[in-house]
């Protein structure tokens, strides 16, 4: 449900999408935990192979561990893709809302809230720039109407964790795909284990970022900072 404001711009509630994203980020975390367990099994078996402890496992154990690890990768990809689609819709919505809150706060047009993610190399900083502008525009002013004191700590923590996960994940995945010897597989599995831990941290920070920004926009809209509005039948109305 959207609400018109002076000038033709409209506010659209991000609450429903934000709630869906929280659930999806929980699914990402669950998939990462699955991958951690599967990866630990692979690492343990490769350790037995390297140590030539052939009584500790069978060929069936190796096959099952490999299949389980592959299944965990499929679960991770599915969870990430579903989350990415909803996140882009939510991100574009909060960017459009931020235009209503403070049109002068933005260095890039609303289209970059989606397009910025698909520009090679530049996608390492363009979405962060958009996110920072949204965050600033969505921050409520002080009680006396003074300019808000904006902290970007959560935005920076989320973005740093996400970029690190992306870069290190590509390196670890390539190492695992190229690994042939048992020791190479073991080292690559250990690297992927670390990446999965980092991805959990990034997902938690992203979840907190979504919850916080959604709450900031809902509070600012319903608090009369842009127009007099009250929640009714699940939406915002003038």
C-alpha atoms as a PDB file:
ATOM      1  CA  UNK A   1       0.000   0.000   0.000  1.00  0.00           C
ATOM      2  CA  UNK A   2       1.411   3.371  -0.995  1.00  0.00           C
ATOM      3  CA  UNK A   3       0.630   6.896   0.105  1.00  0.00           C
ATOM      4  CA  UNK A   4       0.869  10.019  -2.072  1.00  0.00           C
ATOM      5  CA  UNK A   5       2.733  13.031  -0.791  1.00  0.00           C
ATOM      6  CA  UNK A   6       3.081  16.579  -2.115  1.00  0.00           C
ATOM      7  CA  UNK A   7       4.974  16.755  -5.392  1.00  0.00           C
ATOM      8  CA  UNK A   8       3.631  13.500  -6.809  1.00  0.00           C
ATOM      9  CA  UNK A   9       6.102  11.211  -5.015  1.00  0.00           C
ATOM     10  CA  UNK A  10       4.760   8.225  -3.138  1.00  0.00           C
ATOM     11  CA  UNK A  11       5.722   6.280  -0.070  1.00  0.00           C
ATOM     12  CA  UNK A  12       5.356   2.507  -0.155  1.00  0.00           C
ATOM     13  CA  UNK A  13       5.618   0.468   3.013  1.00  0.00           C
ATOM     14  CA  UNK A  14       8.770  -1.720   3.110  1.00  0.00           C
ATOM     15  CA  UNK A  15       7.568  -3.662   6.158  1.00  0.00           C
ATOM     16  CA  UNK A  16       6.217  -6.721   4.345  1.00  0.00           C
ATOM     17  CA  UNK A  17       9.301  -7.101   2.175  1.00  0.00           C
ATOM     18  CA  UNK A  18      11.518  -6.513   5.185  1.00  0.00           C
ATOM     19  CA  UNK A  19       9.792  -9.294   7.105  1.00  0.00           C
ATOM     20  CA  UNK A  20      10.175 -11.656   4.147  1.00  0.00           C
ATOM     21  CA  UNK A  21      13.872 -10.780   3.910  1.00  0.00           C
ATOM     22  CA  UNK A  22      14.467 -11.592   7.560  1.00  0.00           C
ATOM     23  CA  UNK A  23      13.019 -15.063   6.960  1.00  0.00           C
ATOM     24  CA  UNK A  24      15.108 -15.506   3.814  1.00  0.00           C
ATOM     25  CA  UNK A  25      18.319 -14.453   5.539  1.00  0.00           C
ATOM     26  CA  UNK A  26      17.537 -17.070   8.185  1.00  0.00           C
ATOM     27  CA  UNK A  27      17.276 -19.593   5.348  1.00  0.00           C
ATOM     28  CA  UNK A  28      20.698 -18.472   4.087  1.00  0.00           C
ATOM     29  CA  UNK A  29      22.143 -18.988   7.555  1.00  0.00           C
ATOM     30  CA  UNK A  30      20.558 -22.441   7.778  1.00  0.00           C
ATOM     31  CA  UNK A  31      22.050 -23.391   4.385  1.00  0.00           C
ATOM     32  CA  UNK A  32      25.469 -22.155   5.544  1.00  0.00           C
ATOM     33  CA  UNK A  33      25.223 -24.265   8.695  1.00  0.00           C
ATOM     34  CA  UNK A  34      24.392 -27.270   6.527  1.00  0.00           C
ATOM     35  CA  UNK A  35      27.475 -26.516   4.420  1.00  0.00           C
ATOM     36  CA  UNK A  36      29.619 -26.195   7.541  1.00  0.00           C
ATOM     37  CA  UNK A  37      28.597 -29.668   8.708  1.00  0.00           C
ATOM     38  CA  UNK A  38      29.108 -31.182   5.262  1.00  0.00           C
ATOM     39  CA  UNK A  39      32.444 -29.422   4.829  1.00  0.00           C
ATOM     40  CA  UNK A  40      33.662 -30.585   8.214  1.00  0.00           C
ATOM     41  CA  UNK A  41      32.890 -34.161   7.166  1.00  0.00           C
ATOM     42  CA  UNK A  42      34.870 -33.781   3.937  1.00  0.00           C
ATOM     43  CA  UNK A  43      37.776 -32.191   5.777  1.00  0.00           C
ATOM     44  CA  UNK A  44      37.829 -35.007   8.331  1.00  0.00           C
ATOM     45  CA  UNK A  45      37.810 -37.721   5.692  1.00  0.00           C
ATOM     46  CA  UNK A  46      40.569 -36.022   3.695  1.00  0.00           C
ATOM     47  CA  UNK A  47      42.625 -35.824   6.886  1.00  0.00           C
ATOM     48  CA  UNK A  48      42.249 -39.590   7.269  1.00  0.00           C
ATOM     49  CA  UNK A  49      43.334 -40.058   3.632  1.00  0.00           C
ATOM     50  CA  UNK A  50      46.389 -37.815   4.063  1.00  0.00           C
ATOM     51  CA  UNK A  51      47.342 -39.705   7.239  1.00  0.00           C
ATOM     52  CA  UNK A  52      46.759 -42.996   5.404  1.00  0.00           C
ATOM     53  CA  UNK A  53      44.307 -44.098   8.068  1.00  0.00           C
ATOM     54  CA  UNK A  54      42.398 -46.270   5.621  1.00  0.00           C
ATOM     55  CA  UNK A  55      40.606 -48.206   8.345  1.00  0.00           C
ATOM     56  CA  UNK A  56      38.725 -45.055   9.392  1.00  0.00           C
ATOM     57  CA  UNK A  57      36.566 -44.782   6.270  1.00  0.00           C
ATOM     58  CA  UNK A  58      35.200 -46.616   3.253  1.00  0.00           C
ATOM     59  CA  UNK A  59      34.664 -45.622  -0.367  1.00  0.00           C
ATOM     60  CA  UNK A  60      30.963 -45.296   0.456  1.00  0.00           C
ATOM     61  CA  UNK A  61      31.823 -42.755   3.165  1.00  0.00           C
ATOM     62  CA  UNK A  62      33.737 -40.682   0.629  1.00  0.00           C
ATOM     63  CA  UNK A  63      30.893 -40.823  -1.885  1.00  0.00           C
ATOM     64  CA  UNK A  64      28.274 -39.856   0.710  1.00  0.00           C
ATOM     65  CA  UNK A  65      30.395 -36.975   1.976  1.00  0.00           C
ATOM     66  CA  UNK A  66      30.891 -35.675  -1.569  1.00  0.00           C
ATOM     67  CA  UNK A  67      27.167 -35.902  -2.353  1.00  0.00           C
ATOM     68  CA  UNK A  68      26.255 -34.191   0.917  1.00  0.00           C
ATOM     69  CA  UNK A  69      28.683 -31.356   0.250  1.00  0.00           C
ATOM     70  CA  UNK A  70      27.287 -30.912  -3.261  1.00  0.00           C
ATOM     71  CA  UNK A  71      23.736 -30.847  -1.858  1.00  0.00           C
ATOM     72  CA  UNK A  72      24.724 -28.167   0.656  1.00  0.00           C
ATOM     73  CA  UNK A  73      26.086 -26.064  -2.210  1.00  0.00           C
ATOM     74  CA  UNK A  74      22.790 -26.352  -4.077  1.00  0.00           C
ATOM     75  CA  UNK A  75      20.927 -25.303  -0.917  1.00  0.00           C
ATOM     76  CA  UNK A  76      23.187 -22.279  -0.531  1.00  0.00           C
ATOM     77  CA  UNK A  77      22.715 -21.162  -4.135  1.00  0.00           C
ATOM     78  CA  UNK A  78      18.928 -21.553  -3.912  1.00  0.00           C
ATOM     79  CA  UNK A  79      18.730 -19.586  -0.662  1.00  0.00           C
ATOM     80  CA  UNK A  80      20.972 -16.806  -1.964  1.00  0.00           C
ATOM     81  CA  UNK A  81      19.093 -16.441  -5.257  1.00  0.00           C
ATOM     82  CA  UNK A  82      15.703 -16.224  -3.540  1.00  0.00           C
ATOM     83  CA  UNK A  83      17.077 -13.696  -1.060  1.00  0.00           C
ATOM     84  CA  UNK A  84      18.729 -11.615  -3.785  1.00  0.00           C
ATOM     85  CA  UNK A  85      15.477 -11.222  -5.736  1.00  0.00           C
ATOM     86  CA  UNK A  86      13.501 -10.028  -2.718  1.00  0.00           C
ATOM     87  CA  UNK A  87      16.392  -7.862  -1.525  1.00  0.00           C
ATOM     88  CA  UNK A  88      16.527  -5.986  -4.848  1.00  0.00           C
ATOM     89  CA  UNK A  89      12.798  -5.273  -4.700  1.00  0.00           C
ATOM     90  CA  UNK A  90      13.088  -4.087  -1.081  1.00  0.00           C
ATOM     91  CA  UNK A  91      16.235  -2.037  -1.810  1.00  0.00           C
ATOM     92  CA  UNK A  92      14.573  -0.226  -4.699  1.00  0.00           C
ATOM     93  CA  UNK A  93      11.508   0.467  -2.579  1.00  0.00           C
ATOM     94  CA  UNK A  94      13.438   1.992   0.321  1.00  0.00           C
ATOM     95  CA  UNK A  95      15.445   4.027  -2.210  1.00  0.00           C
ATOM     96  CA  UNK A  96      12.240   5.466  -3.688  1.00  0.00           C
ATOM     97  CA  UNK A  97      10.946   6.208  -0.197  1.00  0.00           C
ATOM     98  CA  UNK A  98      14.207   7.972   0.625  1.00  0.00           C
ATOM     99  CA  UNK A  99      13.559  10.312  -2.317  1.00  0.00           C
ATOM    100  CA  UNK A 100      10.405  11.429  -0.516  1.00  0.00           C
ATOM    101  CA  UNK A 101      12.167  11.840   2.817  1.00  0.00           C
ATOM    102  CA  UNK A 102      15.069  13.900   1.428  1.00  0.00           C
ATOM    103  CA  UNK A 103      15.490  14.298  -2.351  1.00  0.00           C
ATOM    104  CA  UNK A 104      18.754  16.201  -1.885  1.00  0.00           C
ATOM    105  CA  UNK A 105      20.491  13.370  -0.017  1.00  0.00           C
ATOM    106  CA  UNK A 106      21.167  11.211  -3.066  1.00  0.00           C
ATOM    107  CA  UNK A 107      24.183  11.169  -5.338  1.00  0.00           C
ATOM    108  CA  UNK A 108      22.680   8.590  -7.716  1.00  0.00           C
ATOM    109  CA  UNK A 109      19.237   8.043  -9.232  1.00  0.00           C
ATOM    110  CA  UNK A 110      16.839   5.420  -7.906  1.00  0.00           C
ATOM    111  CA  UNK A 111      17.580   3.092 -10.814  1.00  0.00           C
ATOM    112  CA  UNK A 112      21.067   2.496  -9.429  1.00  0.00           C
ATOM    113  CA  UNK A 113      19.515   0.712  -6.450  1.00  0.00           C
ATOM    114  CA  UNK A 114      19.158  -2.218  -8.857  1.00  0.00           C
ATOM    115  CA  UNK A 115      21.544  -1.420 -11.697  1.00  0.00           C
ATOM    116  CA  UNK A 116      24.513  -0.795  -9.419  1.00  0.00           C
ATOM    117  CA  UNK A 117      24.654  -4.472  -8.454  1.00  0.00           C
ATOM    118  CA  UNK A 118      25.235  -5.572 -12.059  1.00  0.00           C
ATOM    119  CA  UNK A 119      28.110  -3.296 -13.109  1.00  0.00           C
ATOM    120  CA  UNK A 120      31.347  -5.328 -13.084  1.00  0.00           C
ATOM    121  CA  UNK A 121      33.886  -4.159 -10.512  1.00  0.00           C
ATOM    122  CA  UNK A 122      31.854  -1.021  -9.758  1.00  0.00           C
ATOM    123  CA  UNK A 123      29.370  -3.233  -7.905  1.00  0.00           C
ATOM    124  CA  UNK A 124      31.931  -3.406  -5.113  1.00  0.00           C
ATOM    125  CA  UNK A 125      31.065   0.168  -4.097  1.00  0.00           C
ATOM    126  CA  UNK A 126      28.043   1.546  -6.011  1.00  0.00           C
ATOM    127  CA  UNK A 127      25.382  -0.265  -3.929  1.00  0.00           C
ATOM    128  CA  UNK A 128      27.170   0.866  -0.760  1.00  0.00           C
ATOM    129  CA  UNK A 129      26.936   4.476  -1.930  1.00  0.00           C
ATOM    130  CA  UNK A 130      23.214   4.070  -2.607  1.00  0.00           C
ATOM    131  CA  UNK A 131      22.704   2.364   0.762  1.00  0.00           C
ATOM    132  CA  UNK A 132      24.509   5.159   2.584  1.00  0.00           C
ATOM    133  CA  UNK A 133      22.336   7.815   0.964  1.00  0.00           C
ATOM    134  CA  UNK A 134      19.163   5.883   1.819  1.00  0.00           C
ATOM    135  CA  UNK A 135      20.350   5.492   5.396  1.00  0.00           C
ATOM    136  CA  UNK A 136      21.048   9.216   5.764  1.00  0.00           C
ATOM    137  CA  UNK A 137      17.726  10.253   4.205  1.00  0.00           C
ATOM    138  CA  UNK A 138      15.799   7.817   6.424  1.00  0.00           C
ATOM    139  CA  UNK A 139      17.356   9.025   9.686  1.00  0.00           C
ATOM    140  CA  UNK A 140      15.000  11.188  11.727  1.00  0.00           C
ATOM    141  CA  UNK A 141      16.161  14.664  12.757  1.00  0.00           C
ATOM    142  CA  UNK A 142      16.829  15.491  16.372  1.00  0.00           C
ATOM    143  CA  UNK A 143      14.074  16.588  18.767  1.00  0.00           C
ATOM    144  CA  UNK A 144      14.825  20.248  18.054  1.00  0.00           C
ATOM    145  CA  UNK A 145      14.719  19.722  14.291  1.00  0.00           C
ATOM    146  CA  UNK A 146      18.490  19.827  13.996  1.00  0.00           C
ATOM    147  CA  UNK A 147      20.313  17.818  11.344  1.00  0.00           C
ATOM    148  CA  UNK A 148      20.408  14.134  12.304  1.00  0.00           C
ATOM    149  CA  UNK A 149      23.600  12.549  13.580  1.00  0.00           C
ATOM    150  CA  UNK A 150      24.069   9.641  11.199  1.00  0.00           C
ATOM    151  CA  UNK A 151      26.131   6.574  12.102  1.00  0.00           C
ATOM    152  CA  UNK A 152      27.097   4.285   9.236  1.00  0.00           C
ATOM    153  CA  UNK A 153      28.647   1.585  11.453  1.00  0.00           C
ATOM    154  CA  UNK A 154      26.045  -1.069  10.630  1.00  0.00           C
ATOM    155  CA  UNK A 155      26.036  -0.209   6.909  1.00  0.00           C
ATOM    156  CA  UNK A 156      29.833  -0.426   6.739  1.00  0.00           C
ATOM    157  CA  UNK A 157      29.998  -3.658   8.739  1.00  0.00           C
ATOM    158  CA  UNK A 158      27.412  -5.347   6.502  1.00  0.00           C
ATOM    159  CA  UNK A 159      29.049  -4.173   3.300  1.00  0.00           C
ATOM    160  CA  UNK A 160      32.571  -5.125   4.376  1.00  0.00           C
ATOM    161  CA  UNK A 161      31.477  -8.618   5.403  1.00  0.00           C
ATOM    162  CA  UNK A 162      29.558  -9.103   2.148  1.00  0.00           C
ATOM    163  CA  UNK A 163      32.456  -8.005  -0.082  1.00  0.00           C
ATOM    164  CA  UNK A 164      34.920 -10.183   1.833  1.00  0.00           C
ATOM    165  CA  UNK A 165      32.590 -13.167   1.504  1.00  0.00           C
ATOM    166  CA  UNK A 166      32.218 -12.573  -2.225  1.00  0.00           C
ATOM    167  CA  UNK A 167      35.951 -12.263  -2.924  1.00  0.00           C
ATOM    168  CA  UNK A 168      37.155 -15.054  -0.650  1.00  0.00           C
ATOM    169  CA  UNK A 169      34.287 -17.311  -1.705  1.00  0.00           C
ATOM    170  CA  UNK A 170      35.322 -17.135  -5.357  1.00  0.00           C
ATOM    171  CA  UNK A 171      38.913 -17.990  -4.465  1.00  0.00           C
ATOM    172  CA  UNK A 172      37.974 -20.902  -2.203  1.00  0.00           C
ATOM    173  CA  UNK A 173      35.442 -22.322  -4.679  1.00  0.00           C
ATOM    174  CA  UNK A 174      37.989 -22.308  -7.495  1.00  0.00           C
ATOM    175  CA  UNK A 175      40.556 -23.967  -5.265  1.00  0.00           C
ATOM    176  CA  UNK A 176      38.072 -26.707  -4.351  1.00  0.00           C
ATOM    177  CA  UNK A 177      37.060 -27.285  -7.982  1.00  0.00           C
ATOM    178  CA  UNK A 178      40.702 -27.606  -9.056  1.00  0.00           C
ATOM    179  CA  UNK A 179      41.784 -29.788  -6.129  1.00  0.00           C
ATOM    180  CA  UNK A 180      42.825 -33.329  -7.058  1.00  0.00           C
ATOM    181  CA  UNK A 181      45.086 -34.581  -4.305  1.00  0.00           C
ATOM    182  CA  UNK A 182      43.683 -35.292  -0.833  1.00  0.00           C
ATOM    183  CA  UNK A 183      45.743 -32.535   0.765  1.00  0.00           C
ATOM    184  CA  UNK A 184      44.508 -30.005  -1.793  1.00  0.00           C
ATOM    185  CA  UNK A 185      40.897 -31.021  -1.143  1.00  0.00           C
ATOM    186  CA  UNK A 186      41.454 -30.759   2.599  1.00  0.00           C
ATOM    187  CA  UNK A 187      42.904 -27.252   2.348  1.00  0.00           C
ATOM    188  CA  UNK A 188      40.167 -26.079   0.013  1.00  0.00           C
ATOM    189  CA  UNK A 189      37.489 -27.497   2.316  1.00  0.00           C
ATOM    190  CA  UNK A 190      39.057 -25.594   5.214  1.00  0.00           C
ATOM    191  CA  UNK A 191      38.999 -22.383   3.166  1.00  0.00           C
ATOM    192  CA  UNK A 192      35.328 -22.925   2.266  1.00  0.00           C
ATOM    193  CA  UNK A 193      34.583 -23.591   5.935  1.00  0.00           C
ATOM    194  CA  UNK A 194      36.008 -20.156   6.801  1.00  0.00           C
ATOM    195  CA  UNK A 195      34.015 -18.545   3.985  1.00  0.00           C
ATOM    196  CA  UNK A 196      30.787 -20.153   5.237  1.00  0.00           C
ATOM    197  CA  UNK A 197      31.439 -18.740   8.702  1.00  0.00           C
ATOM    198  CA  UNK A 198      32.025 -15.298   7.191  1.00  0.00           C
ATOM    199  CA  UNK A 199      28.863 -15.647   5.107  1.00  0.00           C
ATOM    200  CA  UNK A 200      26.858 -16.332   8.256  1.00  0.00           C
ATOM    201  CA  UNK A 201      28.264 -13.142   9.775  1.00  0.00           C
ATOM    202  CA  UNK A 202      27.412 -11.224   6.585  1.00  0.00           C
ATOM    203  CA  UNK A 203      23.864 -12.640   6.577  1.00  0.00           C
ATOM    204  CA  UNK A 204      23.339 -11.661  10.214  1.00  0.00           C
ATOM    205  CA  UNK A 205      24.579  -8.125   9.523  1.00  0.00           C
ATOM    206  CA  UNK A 206      22.405  -7.890   6.396  1.00  0.00           C
ATOM    207  CA  UNK A 207      19.402  -9.033   8.427  1.00  0.00           C
ATOM    208  CA  UNK A 208      20.103  -6.337  11.017  1.00  0.00           C
ATOM    209  CA  UNK A 209      20.591  -3.734   8.275  1.00  0.00           C
ATOM    210  CA  UNK A 210      17.236  -4.625   6.678  1.00  0.00           C
ATOM    211  CA  UNK A 211      15.379  -4.611  10.006  1.00  0.00           C
ATOM    212  CA  UNK A 212      16.920  -1.317  11.093  1.00  0.00           C
ATOM    213  CA  UNK A 213      16.359   0.539   7.821  1.00  0.00           C
ATOM    214  CA  UNK A 214      12.811  -0.793   7.481  1.00  0.00           C
ATOM    215  CA  UNK A 215      12.047   0.376  11.008  1.00  0.00           C
ATOM    216  CA  UNK A 216      13.671   3.760  10.358  1.00  0.00           C
ATOM    217  CA  UNK A 217      11.522   4.382   7.291  1.00  0.00           C
ATOM    218  CA  UNK A 218       8.333   3.164   8.946  1.00  0.00           C
ATOM    219  CA  UNK A 219       8.988   5.364  11.976  1.00  0.00           C
ATOM    220  CA  UNK A 220       9.814   8.420   9.889  1.00  0.00           C
ATOM    221  CA  UNK A 221       6.743   7.995   7.668  1.00  0.00           C
ATOM    222  CA  UNK A 222       4.286   7.408  10.489  1.00  0.00           C
ATOM    223  CA  UNK A 223       5.925  10.020  12.720  1.00  0.00           C
ATOM    224  CA  UNK A 224       4.855  12.948  10.563  1.00  0.00           C
ATOM    225  CA  UNK A 225       8.321  13.757   9.257  1.00  0.00           C
ATOM    226  CA  UNK A 226       7.096  13.858   5.661  1.00  0.00           C
ATOM    227  CA  UNK A 227       3.313  14.022   5.937  1.00  0.00           C
ATOM    228  CA  UNK A 228       0.665  13.322   8.509  1.00  0.00           C
ATOM    229  CA  UNK A 229       0.115   9.600   8.246  1.00  0.00           C
ATOM    230  CA  UNK A 230      -1.330   6.845  10.371  1.00  0.00           C
ATOM    231  CA  UNK A 231      -1.289   3.090   9.756  1.00  0.00           C
ATOM    232  CA  UNK A 232      -4.666   1.760   8.637  1.00  0.00           C
ATOM    233  CA  UNK A 233      -5.557  -1.643   7.178  1.00  0.00           C
ATOM    234  CA  UNK A 234      -1.895  -2.516   6.804  1.00  0.00           C
ATOM    235  CA  UNK A 235      -0.893   0.559   4.796  1.00  0.00           C
ATOM    236  CA  UNK A 236      -0.043   4.216   5.025  1.00  0.00           C
ATOM    237  CA  UNK A 237      -2.729   6.772   4.228  1.00  0.00           C
ATOM    238  CA  UNK A 238      -2.860  10.540   4.173  1.00  0.00           C
END
